[in-house]
């Protein structure tokens, strides 16, 4: 974990240097405003990282729980219709080549 964090930290310097040098080379900004602008956005990135991490984890949990609830609901539907249990689903019968009408 420490190696990954160290890599990301060093990689951030490289990304910043590339972005600033591109802006300076294309004469979009002069060197001093380019460095200040980059510093401001890097600070904003550092300050908002915990919020973004939290929102990403929350979204992942919601999607995972939603998928689990959909699966449970589908299983309930199959049991209610008498399709759950020992009898195989029609799709499985088709795959095995044993589909027939009852």
N, C-alpha and C. Protein backbone atom coordinates (compact mmCIF):
# COMPACT_ATOMS: atom_id res chain seq x y z
N UNK A 1 0.83 -1.18 0.00
CA UNK A 1 0.00 0.00 0.00
C UNK A 1 0.88 1.25 0.00
N UNK A 2 1.93 1.20 0.78
CA UNK A 2 2.84 2.35 0.83
C UNK A 2 3.52 2.60 -0.50
N UNK A 3 3.87 1.51 -1.19
CA UNK A 3 4.51 1.66 -2.50
C UNK A 3 3.55 2.27 -3.50
N UNK A 4 2.28 1.86 -3.46
CA UNK A 4 1.29 2.41 -4.38
C UNK A 4 1.05 3.90 -4.11
N UNK A 5 0.96 4.26 -2.83
CA UNK A 5 0.76 5.67 -2.49
C UNK A 5 1.97 6.51 -2.88
N UNK A 6 3.16 5.96 -2.68
CA UNK A 6 4.37 6.68 -3.08
C UNK A 6 4.41 6.89 -4.58
N UNK A 7 4.04 5.84 -5.33
CA UNK A 7 4.02 5.97 -6.78
C UNK A 7 3.04 7.05 -7.22
N UNK A 8 1.84 7.06 -6.64
CA UNK A 8 0.84 8.07 -7.00
C UNK A 8 1.33 9.47 -6.66
N UNK A 9 2.01 9.61 -5.54
CA UNK A 9 2.53 10.91 -5.12
C UNK A 9 3.56 11.42 -6.13
N UNK A 10 4.51 10.57 -6.50
CA UNK A 10 5.55 10.95 -7.45
C UNK A 10 4.95 11.16 -8.84
N UNK A 11 4.00 10.30 -9.22
CA UNK A 11 3.35 10.42 -10.52
C UNK A 11 2.60 11.75 -10.63
N UNK A 12 2.05 12.22 -9.52
CA UNK A 12 1.37 13.52 -9.52
C UNK A 12 2.31 14.66 -9.89
N UNK A 13 3.56 14.58 -9.42
CA UNK A 13 4.54 15.60 -9.80
C UNK A 13 4.79 15.59 -11.30
N UNK A 14 4.90 14.39 -11.86
CA UNK A 14 5.14 14.28 -13.31
C UNK A 14 3.96 14.82 -14.10
N UNK A 15 2.74 14.48 -13.67
CA UNK A 15 1.55 14.97 -14.37
C UNK A 15 1.48 16.49 -14.31
N UNK A 16 1.77 17.04 -13.14
CA UNK A 16 1.74 18.49 -12.97
C UNK A 16 2.78 19.15 -13.85
N UNK A 17 3.98 18.61 -13.86
CA UNK A 17 5.05 19.18 -14.68
C UNK A 17 4.68 19.14 -16.16
N UNK A 18 4.11 18.03 -16.61
CA UNK A 18 3.71 17.93 -18.01
C UNK A 18 2.62 18.93 -18.36
N UNK A 19 1.64 19.07 -17.48
CA UNK A 19 0.54 20.00 -17.75
C UNK A 19 1.05 21.44 -17.79
N UNK A 20 1.89 21.80 -16.83
CA UNK A 20 2.41 23.17 -16.77
C UNK A 20 3.31 23.44 -17.97
N UNK A 21 4.17 22.51 -18.32
CA UNK A 21 5.08 22.76 -19.45
C UNK A 21 4.31 22.87 -20.76
N UNK A 22 3.24 22.11 -20.91
CA UNK A 22 2.43 22.21 -22.13
C UNK A 22 1.76 23.57 -22.23
N UNK A 23 1.21 24.04 -21.12
CA UNK A 23 0.55 25.34 -21.11
C UNK A 23 1.55 26.46 -21.40
N UNK A 24 2.73 26.34 -20.83
CA UNK A 24 3.76 27.36 -21.06
C UNK A 24 4.27 27.29 -22.51
N UNK A 25 4.51 26.09 -23.02
CA UNK A 25 5.04 25.91 -24.37
C UNK A 25 4.09 26.44 -25.43
N UNK A 26 2.80 26.24 -25.22
CA UNK A 26 1.81 26.72 -26.20
C UNK A 26 1.46 28.19 -26.01
N UNK A 27 2.10 28.84 -25.05
CA UNK A 27 1.87 30.26 -24.75
C UNK A 27 0.43 30.54 -24.33
N UNK A 28 -0.22 29.55 -23.75
CA UNK A 28 -1.57 29.76 -23.24
C UNK A 28 -1.51 30.62 -21.98
N UNK A 29 -0.54 30.34 -21.12
CA UNK A 29 -0.31 31.14 -19.91
C UNK A 29 1.18 31.40 -19.78
N UNK A 30 1.49 32.49 -19.09
CA UNK A 30 2.89 32.75 -18.75
C UNK A 30 3.29 31.81 -17.62
N UNK A 31 4.59 31.60 -17.39
CA UNK A 31 5.05 30.60 -16.40
C UNK A 31 4.48 30.79 -14.99
N UNK A 32 4.50 32.01 -14.46
CA UNK A 32 4.04 32.20 -13.08
C UNK A 32 2.55 31.89 -12.92
N UNK A 33 1.66 32.44 -13.77
CA UNK A 33 0.25 32.07 -13.62
C UNK A 33 -0.01 30.58 -13.86
N UNK A 34 0.77 29.94 -14.72
CA UNK A 34 0.59 28.51 -14.99
C UNK A 34 0.90 27.69 -13.74
N UNK A 35 1.99 28.05 -13.04
CA UNK A 35 2.36 27.32 -11.82
C UNK A 35 1.33 27.56 -10.72
N UNK A 36 0.88 28.81 -10.57
CA UNK A 36 -0.12 29.13 -9.54
C UNK A 36 -1.43 28.39 -9.84
N UNK A 37 -1.86 28.43 -11.09
CA UNK A 37 -3.09 27.76 -11.51
C UNK A 37 -3.01 26.25 -11.22
N UNK A 38 -1.87 25.65 -11.55
CA UNK A 38 -1.67 24.23 -11.30
C UNK A 38 -1.69 23.94 -9.80
N UNK A 39 -1.06 24.79 -9.02
CA UNK A 39 -1.04 24.61 -7.57
C UNK A 39 -2.43 24.68 -6.97
N UNK A 40 -3.24 25.62 -7.45
CA UNK A 40 -4.61 25.76 -6.94
C UNK A 40 -5.41 24.49 -7.23
N UNK A 41 -5.34 24.00 -8.46
CA UNK A 41 -6.11 22.81 -8.81
C UNK A 41 -5.59 21.56 -8.13
N UNK A 42 -4.30 21.47 -7.89
CA UNK A 42 -3.77 20.34 -7.13
C UNK A 42 -4.25 20.38 -5.69
N UNK A 43 -4.30 21.56 -5.10
CA UNK A 43 -4.81 21.70 -3.73
C UNK A 43 -6.28 21.30 -3.66
N UNK A 44 -7.06 21.76 -4.64
CA UNK A 44 -8.47 21.39 -4.68
C UNK A 44 -8.61 19.87 -4.80
N UNK A 45 -7.76 19.25 -5.63
CA UNK A 45 -7.79 17.80 -5.78
C UNK A 45 -7.49 17.07 -4.48
N UNK A 46 -6.51 17.57 -3.75
CA UNK A 46 -6.15 16.94 -2.48
C UNK A 46 -7.26 17.11 -1.45
N UNK A 47 -7.89 18.28 -1.42
CA UNK A 47 -8.94 18.53 -0.44
C UNK A 47 -10.22 17.78 -0.74
N UNK A 48 -10.50 17.52 -2.01
CA UNK A 48 -11.74 16.84 -2.37
C UNK A 48 -11.58 15.33 -2.52
N UNK A 49 -10.37 14.80 -2.39
CA UNK A 49 -10.16 13.36 -2.54
C UNK A 49 -10.98 12.54 -1.56
N UNK A 50 -11.04 12.91 -0.27
CA UNK A 50 -11.86 12.10 0.65
C UNK A 50 -13.34 12.10 0.26
N UNK A 51 -13.84 13.23 -0.21
CA UNK A 51 -15.24 13.31 -0.62
C UNK A 51 -15.48 12.41 -1.83
N UNK A 52 -14.60 12.46 -2.82
CA UNK A 52 -14.74 11.63 -4.02
C UNK A 52 -14.62 10.16 -3.68
N UNK A 53 -13.71 9.82 -2.77
CA UNK A 53 -13.56 8.43 -2.35
C UNK A 53 -14.82 7.93 -1.66
N UNK A 54 -15.38 8.76 -0.79
CA UNK A 54 -16.61 8.40 -0.08
C UNK A 54 -17.76 8.20 -1.07
N UNK A 55 -17.91 9.14 -2.01
CA UNK A 55 -19.01 9.04 -2.97
C UNK A 55 -18.85 7.82 -3.87
N UNK A 56 -17.63 7.51 -4.26
CA UNK A 56 -17.38 6.32 -5.07
C UNK A 56 -17.73 5.04 -4.32
N UNK A 57 -17.33 4.97 -3.05
CA UNK A 57 -17.64 3.78 -2.24
C UNK A 57 -19.14 3.66 -2.01
N UNK A 58 -19.80 4.80 -1.79
CA UNK A 58 -21.25 4.79 -1.58
C UNK A 58 -21.97 4.32 -2.84
N UNK A 59 -21.56 4.81 -3.99
CA UNK A 59 -22.17 4.39 -5.25
C UNK A 59 -21.96 2.90 -5.49
N UNK A 60 -20.76 2.41 -5.22
CA UNK A 60 -20.46 0.98 -5.37
C UNK A 60 -21.35 0.15 -4.46
N UNK A 61 -21.51 0.58 -3.20
CA UNK A 61 -22.35 -0.16 -2.26
C UNK A 61 -23.80 -0.16 -2.70
N UNK A 62 -24.29 0.96 -3.21
CA UNK A 62 -25.67 1.03 -3.67
C UNK A 62 -25.90 0.09 -4.86
N UNK A 63 -24.97 0.07 -5.79
CA UNK A 63 -25.10 -0.81 -6.96
C UNK A 63 -25.06 -2.27 -6.53
N UNK A 64 -24.13 -2.60 -5.64
CA UNK A 64 -24.00 -3.98 -5.17
C UNK A 64 -25.24 -4.43 -4.42
N UNK A 65 -25.76 -3.59 -3.53
CA UNK A 65 -26.96 -3.94 -2.78
C UNK A 65 -28.17 -4.02 -3.70
N UNK A 66 -28.25 -3.13 -4.67
CA UNK A 66 -29.35 -3.17 -5.63
C UNK A 66 -29.35 -4.46 -6.42
N UNK A 67 -28.17 -4.90 -6.85
CA UNK A 67 -28.08 -6.15 -7.59
C UNK A 67 -28.49 -7.34 -6.71
N UNK A 68 -28.10 -7.30 -5.45
CA UNK A 68 -28.47 -8.39 -4.53
C UNK A 68 -29.98 -8.41 -4.32
N UNK A 69 -30.59 -7.24 -4.16
CA UNK A 69 -32.04 -7.18 -3.96
C UNK A 69 -32.79 -7.64 -5.21
N UNK A 70 -32.29 -7.29 -6.37
CA UNK A 70 -32.92 -7.74 -7.61
C UNK A 70 -32.84 -9.26 -7.71
N UNK A 71 -31.69 -9.83 -7.36
CA UNK A 71 -31.55 -11.28 -7.38
C UNK A 71 -32.49 -11.97 -6.41
N UNK A 72 -32.63 -11.42 -5.20
CA UNK A 72 -33.56 -12.01 -4.23
C UNK A 72 -34.99 -11.92 -4.71
N UNK A 73 -35.34 -10.77 -5.28
CA UNK A 73 -36.70 -10.58 -5.78
C UNK A 73 -37.00 -11.55 -6.91
N UNK A 74 -36.04 -11.77 -7.80
CA UNK A 74 -36.22 -12.71 -8.90
C UNK A 74 -36.43 -14.12 -8.36
N UNK A 75 -35.66 -14.48 -7.34
CA UNK A 75 -35.79 -15.80 -6.73
C UNK A 75 -37.17 -15.96 -6.10
N UNK A 76 -37.66 -14.92 -5.43
CA UNK A 76 -39.00 -14.96 -4.83
C UNK A 76 -40.06 -15.16 -5.91
N UNK A 77 -39.89 -14.49 -7.02
CA UNK A 77 -40.84 -14.60 -8.13
C UNK A 77 -40.87 -16.03 -8.66
N UNK A 78 -39.70 -16.63 -8.81
CA UNK A 78 -39.65 -18.01 -9.31
C UNK A 78 -40.32 -18.97 -8.34
N UNK A 79 -40.08 -18.79 -7.05
CA UNK A 79 -40.69 -19.66 -6.05
C UNK A 79 -42.20 -19.47 -6.05
N UNK A 80 -42.66 -18.22 -6.13
CA UNK A 80 -44.09 -17.92 -6.12
C UNK A 80 -44.79 -18.55 -7.33
N UNK A 81 -44.13 -18.55 -8.47
CA UNK A 81 -44.71 -19.12 -9.68
C UNK A 81 -44.53 -20.63 -9.76
N UNK A 82 -43.87 -21.21 -8.78
CA UNK A 82 -43.67 -22.65 -8.77
C UNK A 82 -42.52 -23.10 -9.65
N UNK A 83 -41.67 -22.17 -10.03
CA UNK A 83 -40.54 -22.51 -10.89
C UNK A 83 -39.25 -22.70 -10.11
N UNK A 84 -39.26 -22.34 -8.84
CA UNK A 84 -38.07 -22.53 -8.02
C UNK A 84 -38.07 -23.94 -7.44
N UNK A 85 -36.98 -24.38 -6.96
CA UNK A 85 -36.91 -25.70 -6.35
C UNK A 85 -36.25 -26.70 -7.26
N UNK A 86 -36.82 -27.90 -7.31
CA UNK A 86 -36.19 -29.00 -8.04
C UNK A 86 -36.27 -28.82 -9.55
N UNK A 87 -37.35 -28.25 -10.03
CA UNK A 87 -37.54 -28.12 -11.47
C UNK A 87 -36.54 -27.12 -12.04
N UNK A 88 -35.92 -27.47 -13.17
CA UNK A 88 -34.94 -26.59 -13.79
C UNK A 88 -35.65 -25.51 -14.59
N UNK A 89 -34.98 -24.38 -14.73
CA UNK A 89 -35.52 -23.30 -15.54
C UNK A 89 -35.56 -23.72 -17.01
N UNK A 90 -36.49 -23.13 -17.75
CA UNK A 90 -36.65 -23.46 -19.17
C UNK A 90 -35.35 -23.19 -19.94
N UNK A 91 -34.65 -22.14 -19.56
CA UNK A 91 -33.38 -21.81 -20.22
C UNK A 91 -32.38 -22.94 -20.05
N UNK A 92 -32.31 -23.50 -18.85
CA UNK A 92 -31.38 -24.61 -18.60
C UNK A 92 -31.79 -25.85 -19.40
N UNK A 93 -33.09 -26.08 -19.51
CA UNK A 93 -33.56 -27.20 -20.30
C UNK A 93 -33.22 -27.03 -21.76
N UNK A 94 -33.34 -25.80 -22.24
CA UNK A 94 -32.97 -25.53 -23.63
C UNK A 94 -31.49 -25.79 -23.87
N UNK A 95 -30.67 -25.36 -22.93
CA UNK A 95 -29.24 -25.58 -23.08
C UNK A 95 -28.88 -27.06 -23.06
N UNK A 96 -29.64 -27.85 -22.31
CA UNK A 96 -29.37 -29.28 -22.25
C UNK A 96 -30.08 -30.04 -23.36
N UNK A 97 -30.93 -29.36 -24.14
CA UNK A 97 -31.63 -30.01 -25.23
C UNK A 97 -32.80 -30.86 -24.79
N UNK A 98 -33.36 -30.56 -23.63
CA UNK A 98 -34.46 -31.37 -23.11
C UNK A 98 -35.75 -30.56 -23.00
N UNK A 99 -35.85 -29.45 -23.70
CA UNK A 99 -37.05 -28.62 -23.56
C UNK A 99 -38.24 -29.27 -24.22
N UNK A 100 -39.34 -29.29 -23.49
CA UNK A 100 -40.61 -29.79 -24.04
C UNK A 100 -41.72 -29.11 -23.29
N UNK A 101 -42.89 -29.08 -23.87
CA UNK A 101 -44.03 -28.44 -23.20
C UNK A 101 -44.67 -29.45 -22.27
N UNK A 102 -45.06 -28.99 -21.08
CA UNK A 102 -45.70 -29.89 -20.09
C UNK A 102 -47.18 -29.97 -20.32
